[in-house]
Amino acid sequence: QVQLVESGGGSVQAGGSLRLSCTASGFACDGYAMGWFRQGPGKGREGVSCISWTGYETYYVDSVKGRFTISRDNAKNTLYLQMNSLKPEDTAMYYCAVDRNYARMVAGPFDLNYWGQGTQVTVSS
């Protein structure tokens, strides 16, 4: 059974940091792109950052560039998102996803292979 489990969310003040993790089980992540998406209150789900299965290609939405860093450890089947200089507008439920097609993942949260249940990030001003 394929499962993605996110962790590391929480409540922080603006300017603080959090590190999200997503561990996959039931399959090997080799060959899969992995990514983070978020959905804020009253908003649609948006792509935050993606990484190809080799790690050579990464994508960041403009609003997080220079503040967030995505990485992965294929040996551990785990995806990470280091989030620094957090802002109140980063408040959202953060979801992990995997897909065979990196370009499709960068294009948006549509028809991706697998999703996690999400971890809440709340940033107060």
Protein backbone atom coordinates (compact mmCIF):
# COMPACT_ATOMS: atom_id res chain seq x y z
CA GLN A 1 0.00 0.00 0.00
CA VAL A 2 1.44 3.33 -1.09
CA GLN A 3 1.57 5.91 1.65
CA LEU A 4 3.05 9.40 1.98
CA VAL A 5 3.32 10.79 5.49
CA GLU A 6 4.18 14.43 6.08
CA SER A 7 5.58 15.80 9.33
CA GLY A 8 7.27 18.89 10.69
CA GLY A 9 4.44 21.37 10.49
CA GLY A 10 3.55 23.64 13.37
CA SER A 11 3.01 27.19 14.52
CA VAL A 12 5.79 29.76 14.34
CA GLN A 13 6.15 33.50 14.37
CA ALA A 14 7.01 35.44 11.25
CA GLY A 15 10.69 35.14 10.47
CA GLY A 16 10.91 31.68 11.95
CA SER A 17 11.82 28.38 10.32
CA LEU A 18 10.33 24.94 9.90
CA ARG A 19 11.52 21.79 8.18
CA LEU A 20 8.90 19.57 6.60
CA SER A 21 9.49 15.91 5.84
CA CYS A 22 7.57 13.45 3.71
CA THR A 23 8.34 9.77 3.96
CA ALA A 24 7.05 7.37 1.36
CA SER A 25 6.29 3.73 1.97
CA GLY A 26 4.94 0.95 -0.18
CA PHE A 27 7.05 1.89 -3.18
CA ALA A 28 10.52 3.18 -4.09
CA CYS A 29 10.76 6.85 -5.00
CA ASP A 30 13.47 6.26 -7.58
CA GLY A 31 12.18 7.50 -10.90
CA TYR A 32 9.52 9.69 -9.31
CA ALA A 33 9.50 13.45 -9.07
CA MET A 34 8.47 14.70 -5.64
CA GLY A 35 6.97 17.98 -4.62
CA TRP A 36 5.29 20.17 -2.06
CA PHE A 37 1.96 21.87 -2.56
CA ARG A 38 -0.06 24.04 -0.23
CA GLN A 39 -3.59 25.20 0.26
CA GLY A 40 -4.26 28.28 2.32
CA PRO A 41 -7.60 29.29 3.86
CA GLY A 42 -10.08 29.98 1.10
CA LYS A 43 -7.53 29.35 -1.62
CA GLY A 44 -6.87 26.71 -4.22
CA ARG A 45 -4.01 24.27 -4.00
CA GLU A 46 -0.77 25.64 -5.45
CA GLY A 47 2.63 24.22 -6.20
CA VAL A 48 5.38 25.36 -3.83
CA SER A 49 8.44 23.39 -4.90
CA CYS A 50 9.30 20.27 -6.89
CA ILE A 51 12.40 18.16 -7.40
CA SER A 52 13.23 15.62 -10.06
CA TRP A 53 14.08 12.08 -9.05
CA THR A 54 17.79 12.72 -9.62
CA GLY A 55 17.65 15.97 -7.69
CA TYR A 56 19.22 17.84 -10.58
CA GLU A 57 16.09 19.83 -11.40
CA THR A 58 14.19 21.94 -8.92
CA TYR A 59 11.31 24.35 -9.15
CA TYR A 60 10.12 27.03 -6.74
CA VAL A 61 7.11 29.28 -6.94
CA ASP A 62 8.25 32.90 -7.01
CA SER A 63 6.86 33.71 -3.57
CA VAL A 64 9.22 31.26 -1.82
CA LYS A 65 12.39 31.64 -3.85
CA GLY A 66 15.37 32.40 -1.64
CA ARG A 67 13.49 31.30 1.48
CA PHE A 68 12.60 27.62 0.90
CA THR A 69 14.90 24.77 -0.08
CA ILE A 70 13.72 21.40 -1.33
CA SER A 71 15.81 18.25 -1.07
CA ARG A 72 15.37 14.51 -1.11
CA ASP A 73 17.08 11.39 0.17
CA ASN A 74 16.18 8.52 -2.12
CA ALA A 75 17.84 5.97 0.16
CA LYS A 76 15.37 6.99 2.86
CA ASN A 77 12.44 7.55 0.50
CA THR A 78 12.10 10.98 2.05
CA LEU A 79 11.45 14.48 0.76
CA TYR A 80 12.26 17.63 2.71
CA LEU A 81 11.34 21.29 2.61
CA GLN A 82 13.43 23.72 4.65
CA MET A 83 11.37 26.85 5.15
CA ASN A 84 13.13 29.97 6.42
CA SER A 85 12.00 33.56 6.91
CA LEU A 86 8.42 32.40 7.11
CA LYS A 87 5.65 34.91 6.47
CA PRO A 88 1.98 34.91 7.53
CA GLU A 89 1.04 34.34 3.89
CA ASP A 90 2.85 30.99 4.06
CA THR A 91 0.11 29.75 6.38
CA ALA A 92 -1.45 26.71 4.73
CA MET A 93 -1.84 22.98 4.76
CA TYR A 94 1.25 21.58 3.06
CA TYR A 95 0.94 18.42 1.00
CA CYS A 96 3.55 16.09 -0.40
CA ALA A 97 3.03 14.49 -3.82
CA VAL A 98 4.91 12.17 -6.15
CA ASP A 99 4.57 11.61 -9.87
CA ARG A 100 6.46 9.90 -12.66
CA ASN A 101 6.41 13.09 -14.71
CA TYR A 102 8.41 16.06 -13.38
CA ALA A 103 7.03 18.48 -15.96
CA ARG A 104 3.46 17.52 -15.07
CA MET A 105 4.18 18.15 -11.41
CA VAL A 106 5.67 21.59 -12.14
CA ALA A 107 2.58 22.41 -14.19
CA GLY A 108 0.35 22.08 -11.15
CA PRO A 109 -1.46 19.83 -8.69
CA PHE A 110 -3.37 17.93 -11.36
CA ASP A 111 -3.66 14.19 -11.76
CA LEU A 112 -0.53 13.43 -9.78
CA ASN A 113 0.12 9.82 -8.86
CA TYR A 114 0.11 9.95 -5.05
CA TRP A 115 -0.67 12.48 -2.31
CA GLY A 116 -0.05 12.71 1.41
CA GLN A 117 -2.60 13.81 3.97
CA GLY A 118 -0.93 17.12 4.71
CA THR A 119 0.71 18.94 7.60
CA GLN A 120 -0.44 22.35 8.85
CA VAL A 121 1.88 25.33 8.89
CA THR A 122 0.70 28.45 10.70
CA VAL A 123 2.76 31.63 10.74
CA SER A 124 1.70 34.45 13.03
CA SER A 125 2.69 38.08 12.64
